[in-house]
Amino acid sequence: MNNLGGGIMEYNENIKIRKVTTEVKGIEITFDEYYRIDPNTGEEIFDRELEIKNDANLYDIYKKQKGLLTNAEIKEIRKKYEMNQKEYALAIGFGEVTVNRFENGAIQTEATDAIMRLSEDPDNMYNLLVKNQINIPEKIYEAFLKRVNELRVLKSHRIAEYNEEKISSYEFNTTDINDVADNVIEKYNKQYELLNEQYKVDTNCEYITPLKLQKLLYYIQGLSLCIFGKPAFTNKIYAWDYGPVVDEIYQKYKTKGKKPISTPKNINKICEGLSNIIDIVVEGYGKYNAFSLIDLTHQETPWKDTKKDMEITQDSIREYFNKVYNS
């Protein structure tokens, strides 16, 4: 197989590769140039398709060196909004064929590149869309606005911060729900003990409550499925009035009511991947009070789309968290 311009070409012994050094806008670039030879004479023959793809590859290298968006990166931003090239161009205020040219190798200016980079953020895209509304047919504009607002909501629910490459390299195993809960309680309580020691505040009122524990377990499950493709625990999560709930943990701590849970004395060690997921969730989602977390889960499709008291499936959780963290 020959790899050319990001696509896979069927093997063809008449297509050769050579190293070529040329200059683009004052920058010397060496790249792999593809060319075709006549199978009968062995002489090089002109191939328009190869020439176009060679230029696209060459200009992509230039774009990378200059810190500009590559052809593929521009296309990825556009497809995020489910727009064709003309629609995306109109939405961000460009000429109708401009995006087509950029995706096929034309080099954008720094100013146009900056606008496309801005559009990657749904909030910025919303502002661009509103600004250029006059150029877009009403029905198409409304469809775009709906999609952009959906992405803005997903962005607002991206609470956790983590390095995916780093965390996904850790070992991860699905674990007993009680061990997961114990580690959540320990990490949460320890975090607030440290904060309270620093600010000299009474620690007891800051310990985790059963209600907050339930919400953190849900977000741990979501991020585990999103990052590792595996559940943190196998227990079912149900759609109760106050959001997602693991019944086994509810039964364990229901006598506590709204009172805080003390850190268990004996806590089993868990795998590094899950331990890091818990740290991320405690750090991100843990800063919100229990009722704010309830409101957050009520806005999310896994709970919204599940009938009351029914199981929130792992598939629905995985799909939603992938949208939130990979959009």
Protein backbone atom coordinates (compact mmCIF):
# COMPACT_ATOMS: atom_id res chain seq x y z
CA MET A 1 0.00 0.00 0.00
CA ASN A 2 1.09 3.58 -0.62
CA ASN A 3 -0.01 6.24 1.87
CA LEU A 4 -0.70 9.50 0.12
CA GLY A 5 -2.26 12.68 1.41
CA GLY A 6 -3.75 11.02 4.47
CA GLY A 7 -5.50 8.37 2.32
CA ILE A 8 -4.56 4.82 1.41
CA MET A 9 -3.87 4.11 -2.27
CA GLU A 10 -3.98 0.63 -3.68
CA TYR A 11 -0.50 -0.65 -4.42
CA ASN A 12 0.69 0.39 -7.87
CA GLU A 13 4.23 -0.43 -8.96
CA ASN A 14 4.08 2.49 -11.39
CA ILE A 15 3.90 5.02 -8.53
CA LYS A 16 7.30 5.91 -7.06
CA ILE A 17 8.48 8.12 -4.19
CA ARG A 18 11.43 10.50 -4.07
CA LYS A 19 12.72 13.08 -1.61
CA VAL A 20 12.30 16.61 -2.91
CA THR A 21 13.42 19.89 -1.36
CA THR A 22 11.55 23.02 -2.34
CA GLU A 23 10.69 26.43 -0.97
CA VAL A 24 7.26 27.60 0.21
CA LYS A 25 6.87 31.26 1.15
CA GLY A 26 10.56 31.53 2.06
CA ILE A 27 10.72 28.25 4.01
CA GLU A 28 12.76 25.32 2.68
CA ILE A 29 10.86 22.04 2.99
CA THR A 30 11.91 18.48 2.21
CA PHE A 31 9.07 16.02 1.62
CA ASP A 32 8.11 12.75 -0.06
CA GLU A 33 6.94 13.45 -3.60
CA TYR A 34 4.94 10.80 -5.46
CA TYR A 35 5.27 10.42 -9.22
CA ARG A 36 4.10 8.00 -11.90
CA ILE A 37 6.17 6.22 -14.51
CA ASP A 38 5.13 4.73 -17.83
CA PRO A 39 5.18 0.91 -17.40
CA ASN A 40 6.42 0.49 -20.97
CA THR A 41 9.15 3.11 -21.24
CA GLY A 42 10.02 3.64 -17.56
CA GLU A 43 9.81 7.39 -18.10
CA GLU A 44 8.03 9.76 -15.76
CA ILE A 45 4.57 10.84 -16.90
CA PHE A 46 2.35 13.66 -15.69
CA ASP A 47 -0.43 12.70 -13.23
CA ARG A 48 -2.69 15.58 -12.24
CA GLU A 49 -4.15 13.77 -9.22
CA LEU A 50 -0.70 13.03 -7.83
CA GLU A 51 0.39 16.63 -8.39
CA ILE A 52 -2.62 17.95 -6.45
CA LYS A 53 -1.98 15.56 -3.56
CA ASN A 54 1.74 16.35 -3.53
CA ASP A 55 0.94 20.06 -3.24
CA ALA A 56 -1.54 19.37 -0.42
CA ASN A 57 1.10 17.35 1.47
CA LEU A 58 3.73 20.02 0.91
CA TYR A 59 1.47 22.83 2.10
CA ASP A 60 0.39 20.77 5.12
CA ILE A 61 4.04 20.51 6.19
CA TYR A 62 4.36 24.27 5.78
CA LYS A 63 1.21 24.83 7.85
CA LYS A 64 2.56 22.68 10.68
CA GLN A 65 5.86 24.55 10.68
CA LYS A 66 4.06 27.90 10.79
CA GLY A 67 1.62 26.77 13.51
CA LEU A 68 -1.40 26.96 11.21
CA LEU A 69 -4.30 24.51 11.19
CA THR A 70 -3.69 21.59 8.83
CA ASN A 71 -6.15 20.43 6.17
CA ALA A 72 -7.37 17.59 8.42
CA GLU A 73 -7.70 19.85 11.49
CA ILE A 74 -9.87 22.33 9.58
CA LYS A 75 -12.07 19.48 8.36
CA GLU A 76 -12.36 18.10 11.91
CA ILE A 77 -13.59 21.44 13.26
CA ARG A 78 -16.15 21.74 10.46
CA LYS A 79 -17.47 18.22 10.90
CA LYS A 80 -17.87 18.81 14.62
CA TYR A 81 -20.76 21.13 13.72
CA GLU A 82 -22.13 18.77 11.04
CA MET A 83 -21.68 21.42 8.35
CA ASN A 84 -20.53 21.06 4.77
CA GLN A 85 -17.74 23.31 3.48
CA LYS A 86 -20.03 26.02 2.15
CA GLU A 87 -22.16 26.10 5.31
CA TYR A 88 -19.14 26.33 7.61
CA ALA A 89 -17.66 29.12 5.48
CA LEU A 90 -20.87 31.15 5.70
CA ALA A 91 -21.20 30.51 9.43
CA ILE A 92 -17.76 31.96 10.20
CA GLY A 93 -17.99 34.77 7.67
CA PHE A 94 -15.79 33.41 4.85
CA GLY A 95 -16.46 33.22 1.12
CA GLU A 96 -18.39 30.17 -0.02
CA VAL A 97 -15.42 28.31 -1.56
CA THR A 98 -12.75 29.42 0.94
CA VAL A 99 -12.99 26.43 3.28
CA ASN A 100 -12.93 24.04 0.33
CA ARG A 101 -9.62 25.58 -0.74
CA PHE A 102 -8.12 25.36 2.75
CA GLU A 103 -9.14 21.73 3.23
CA ASN A 104 -7.57 20.89 -0.13
CA GLY A 105 -4.21 22.47 0.62
CA ALA A 106 -4.46 26.23 0.11
CA ILE A 107 -2.55 28.14 2.79
CA GLN A 108 -4.65 30.38 5.01
CA THR A 109 -3.46 33.67 6.47
CA GLU A 110 -2.85 33.96 10.20
CA ALA A 111 -6.01 36.07 10.49
CA THR A 112 -8.27 33.49 8.84
CA ASP A 113 -6.55 30.73 10.78
CA ALA A 114 -7.31 32.57 14.03
CA ILE A 115 -11.02 32.71 13.17
CA MET A 116 -11.15 28.98 12.41
CA ARG A 117 -9.36 28.25 15.67
CA LEU A 118 -11.87 30.40 17.52
CA SER A 119 -14.73 28.49 15.92
CA GLU A 120 -13.53 25.25 17.49
CA ASP A 121 -14.95 26.47 20.81
CA PRO A 122 -18.78 26.22 20.74
CA ASP A 123 -19.18 29.53 22.60
CA ASN A 124 -17.09 31.34 20.00
CA MET A 125 -18.89 29.52 17.21
CA TYR A 126 -22.20 30.72 18.63
CA ASN A 127 -21.00 34.33 18.47
CA LEU A 128 -19.73 33.89 14.90
CA LEU A 129 -22.99 32.26 13.84
CA VAL A 130 -25.11 35.07 15.28
CA LYS A 131 -22.84 37.67 13.71
CA ASN A 132 -23.16 36.08 10.25
CA GLN A 133 -26.85 35.12 10.51
CA ILE A 134 -27.79 37.42 7.64
CA ASN A 135 -25.80 35.24 5.22
CA ILE A 136 -27.54 31.98 6.17
CA PRO A 137 -31.07 30.82 5.20
CA GLU A 138 -33.36 30.87 8.25
CA LYS A 139 -34.07 27.12 8.50
CA ILE A 140 -30.41 26.23 8.09
CA TYR A 141 -29.46 28.87 10.64
CA GLU A 142 -31.89 27.43 13.21
CA ALA A 143 -30.48 23.92 12.67
CA PHE A 144 -26.92 25.22 13.11
CA LEU A 145 -27.90 27.16 16.21
CA LYS A 146 -29.45 24.06 17.76
CA ARG A 147 -26.31 21.99 17.12
CA VAL A 148 -23.99 24.70 18.43
CA ASN A 149 -26.08 25.13 21.58
CA GLU A 150 -26.01 21.37 22.17
CA LEU A 151 -22.23 21.49 22.07
CA ARG A 152 -22.20 24.53 24.37
CA VAL A 153 -24.21 22.57 26.95
CA LEU A 154 -21.86 19.60 26.65
CA LYS A 155 -18.89 21.93 27.12
CA SER A 156 -20.44 23.39 30.29
CA HIS A 157 -20.67 19.86 31.70
CA ARG A 158 -16.99 19.16 31.06
CA ILE A 159 -16.09 19.60 34.73
CA ALA A 160 -13.18 17.19 35.16
CA GLU A 161 -9.69 18.08 33.95
CA TYR A 162 -7.16 15.39 33.09
CA ASN A 163 -4.39 14.34 30.72
CA GLU A 164 -6.02 11.53 28.75
CA GLU A 165 -2.75 10.17 27.35
CA LYS A 166 -1.23 9.94 30.82
CA ILE A 167 -4.19 8.49 32.69
CA SER A 168 -5.11 5.97 29.97
CA SER A 169 -1.63 4.43 30.35
CA TYR A 170 -2.45 3.25 33.88
CA GLU A 171 -3.70 -0.22 34.74
CA PHE A 172 -7.46 -0.30 35.19
CA ASN A 173 -9.68 -3.00 36.67
CA THR A 174 -13.40 -3.05 37.42
CA THR A 175 -13.69 -3.10 41.21
CA ASP A 176 -16.14 -4.01 43.97
CA ILE A 177 -18.50 -1.11 44.60
CA ASN A 178 -17.73 -1.03 48.33
CA ASP A 179 -14.01 -0.63 47.64
CA VAL A 180 -14.75 2.15 45.16
CA ALA A 181 -17.02 3.94 47.65
CA ASP A 182 -14.50 3.56 50.50
CA ASN A 183 -11.75 5.10 48.39
CA VAL A 184 -14.03 7.96 47.34
CA ILE A 185 -14.90 8.67 50.97
CA GLU A 186 -11.25 8.55 52.01
CA LYS A 187 -10.01 10.82 49.23
CA TYR A 188 -12.86 13.31 49.59
CA ASN A 189 -12.56 13.55 53.37
CA LYS A 190 -8.78 13.80 53.22
CA GLN A 191 -8.99 16.65 50.72
CA TYR A 192 -11.28 18.65 52.97
CA GLU A 193 -9.27 17.84 56.08
CA LEU A 194 -6.26 19.39 54.38
CA LEU A 195 -8.27 22.43 53.30
CA ASN A 196 -9.78 22.89 56.72
CA GLU A 197 -6.41 22.52 58.40
CA GLN A 198 -5.08 25.21 56.10
CA TYR A 199 -7.97 27.59 56.75
CA LYS A 200 -8.63 26.50 60.35
CA VAL A 201 -12.27 25.54 59.77
CA ASP A 202 -14.24 22.81 61.59
CA THR A 203 -13.83 19.63 59.48
CA ASN A 204 -16.93 17.64 60.48
CA CYS A 205 -19.39 19.58 58.34
CA GLU A 206 -17.22 19.11 55.28
CA TYR A 207 -17.13 15.31 55.20
CA ILE A 208 -18.91 13.59 52.34
CA THR A 209 -22.63 12.84 52.69
CA PRO A 210 -24.49 9.80 51.27
CA LEU A 211 -26.19 12.03 48.69
CA LYS A 212 -22.93 13.48 47.43
CA LEU A 213 -21.26 10.07 47.43
CA GLN A 214 -23.93 8.77 45.04
CA LYS A 215 -23.32 11.55 42.55
CA LEU A 216 -19.55 11.13 42.64
CA LEU A 217 -19.93 7.38 42.04
CA TYR A 218 -21.99 8.17 38.93
CA TYR A 219 -19.32 10.51 37.55
CA ILE A 220 -16.59 8.00 38.36
CA GLN A 221 -18.52 5.41 36.35
CA GLY A 222 -18.92 7.87 33.48
CA LEU A 223 -15.26 8.82 33.25
CA SER A 224 -14.15 5.19 33.63
CA LEU A 225 -16.32 4.18 30.69
CA CYS A 226 -15.16 7.21 28.69
CA ILE A 227 -11.40 6.90 29.29
CA PHE A 228 -10.87 3.15 29.77
CA GLY A 229 -13.96 1.71 28.07
CA LYS A 230 -14.63 -0.29 31.24
CA PRO A 231 -16.95 0.32 34.21
CA ALA A 232 -15.51 1.24 37.60
CA PHE A 233 -18.03 -1.19 39.12
CA THR A 234 -20.66 -3.60 37.80
CA ASN A 235 -23.55 -2.53 40.05
CA LYS A 236 -26.55 -0.96 38.34
CA ILE A 237 -27.18 2.76 38.56
CA TYR A 238 -30.85 3.78 38.81
CA ALA A 239 -32.66 6.99 37.87
CA TRP A 240 -34.14 8.12 41.18
CA ASP A 241 -35.73 11.47 41.94
CA TYR A 242 -32.48 12.87 43.29
CA GLY A 243 -30.44 11.70 40.33
CA PRO A 244 -28.37 8.55 39.65
CA VAL A 245 -28.16 6.11 42.58
CA VAL A 246 -26.37 2.82 43.27
CA ASP A 247 -28.88 0.96 45.44
CA GLU A 248 -26.29 -1.14 47.30
CA ILE A 249 -24.53 1.99 48.56
CA TYR A 250 -27.85 3.66 49.34
CA GLN A 251 -28.82 0.71 51.56
CA LYS A 252 -25.43 0.79 53.26
CA TYR A 253 -25.62 4.44 54.29
CA LYS A 254 -29.36 5.25 54.36
CA THR A 255 -29.47 5.43 58.16
CA LYS A 256 -27.06 8.37 58.01
CA GLY A 257 -29.61 10.54 56.23
CA LYS A 258 -27.94 13.88 55.53
CA LYS A 259 -25.15 13.30 58.05
CA PRO A 260 -21.54 13.06 56.84
CA ILE A 261 -19.76 9.74 56.43
CA SER A 262 -16.56 9.20 58.37
CA THR A 263 -13.56 7.65 56.64
CA PRO A 264 -13.62 3.83 56.94
CA LYS A 265 -10.84 2.30 59.06
CA ASN A 266 -9.87 -0.46 56.63
CA ILE A 267 -9.69 0.47 52.96
CA ASN A 268 -8.65 -1.95 50.24
CA LYS A 269 -6.15 -0.69 47.67
CA ILE A 270 -7.46 -0.25 44.13
CA CYS A 271 -5.72 -0.10 40.74
CA GLU A 272 -3.84 3.05 39.71
CA GLY A 273 -6.21 3.89 36.87
CA LEU A 274 -9.32 3.88 39.05
CA SER A 275 -7.50 5.68 41.83
CA ASN A 276 -6.68 8.48 39.41
CA ILE A 277 -10.26 8.61 38.12
CA ILE A 278 -11.45 9.09 41.71
CA ASP A 279 -8.89 11.86 42.25
CA ILE A 280 -10.10 13.63 39.10
CA VAL A 281 -13.76 13.37 40.07
CA VAL A 282 -13.19 14.46 43.68
CA GLU A 283 -11.11 17.42 42.48
CA GLY A 284 -13.55 18.47 39.74
CA TYR A 285 -17.08 17.45 40.68
CA GLY A 286 -16.36 17.36 44.41
CA LYS A 287 -16.18 21.14 44.62
CA TYR A 288 -19.95 21.34 43.95
CA ASN A 289 -22.45 20.71 46.72
CA ALA A 290 -24.77 17.71 46.51
CA PHE A 291 -27.79 19.65 45.26
CA SER A 292 -25.76 21.33 42.51
CA LEU A 293 -24.65 17.87 41.41
CA ILE A 294 -28.28 16.71 41.42
CA ASP A 295 -29.19 19.63 39.14
CA LEU A 296 -26.25 18.74 36.90
CA THR A 297 -27.30 15.09 36.52
CA HIS A 298 -30.90 16.17 35.85
CA GLN A 299 -29.66 18.12 32.81
CA GLU A 300 -27.79 15.12 31.38
CA THR A 301 -29.30 12.61 28.97
CA PRO A 302 -28.50 9.39 30.90
CA TRP A 303 -30.84 10.46 33.72
CA LYS A 304 -33.24 12.53 31.55
CA ASP A 305 -33.83 9.74 29.05
CA THR A 306 -34.31 6.99 31.63
CA LYS A 307 -37.70 6.30 33.15
CA LYS A 308 -38.01 6.87 36.88
CA ASP A 309 -36.52 4.07 39.02
CA MET A 310 -35.22 2.23 35.95
CA GLU A 311 -31.58 1.37 35.27
CA ILE A 312 -29.39 3.97 33.62
CA THR A 313 -27.51 1.71 31.22
CA GLN A 314 -23.74 1.67 30.86
CA ASP A 315 -24.15 2.28 27.14
CA SER A 316 -26.08 5.51 27.71
CA ILE A 317 -23.51 6.67 30.26
CA ARG A 318 -20.59 5.83 27.97
CA GLU A 319 -22.18 7.55 24.98
CA TYR A 320 -22.94 10.71 26.93
CA PHE A 321 -19.50 11.05 28.58
CA ASN A 322 -17.80 10.44 25.24
CA LYS A 323 -19.79 13.36 23.83
CA VAL A 324 -18.91 15.59 26.77
CA TYR A 325 -15.20 14.85 26.89
CA ASN A 326 -14.43 14.01 23.27
CA SER A 327 -16.50 16.63 21.40
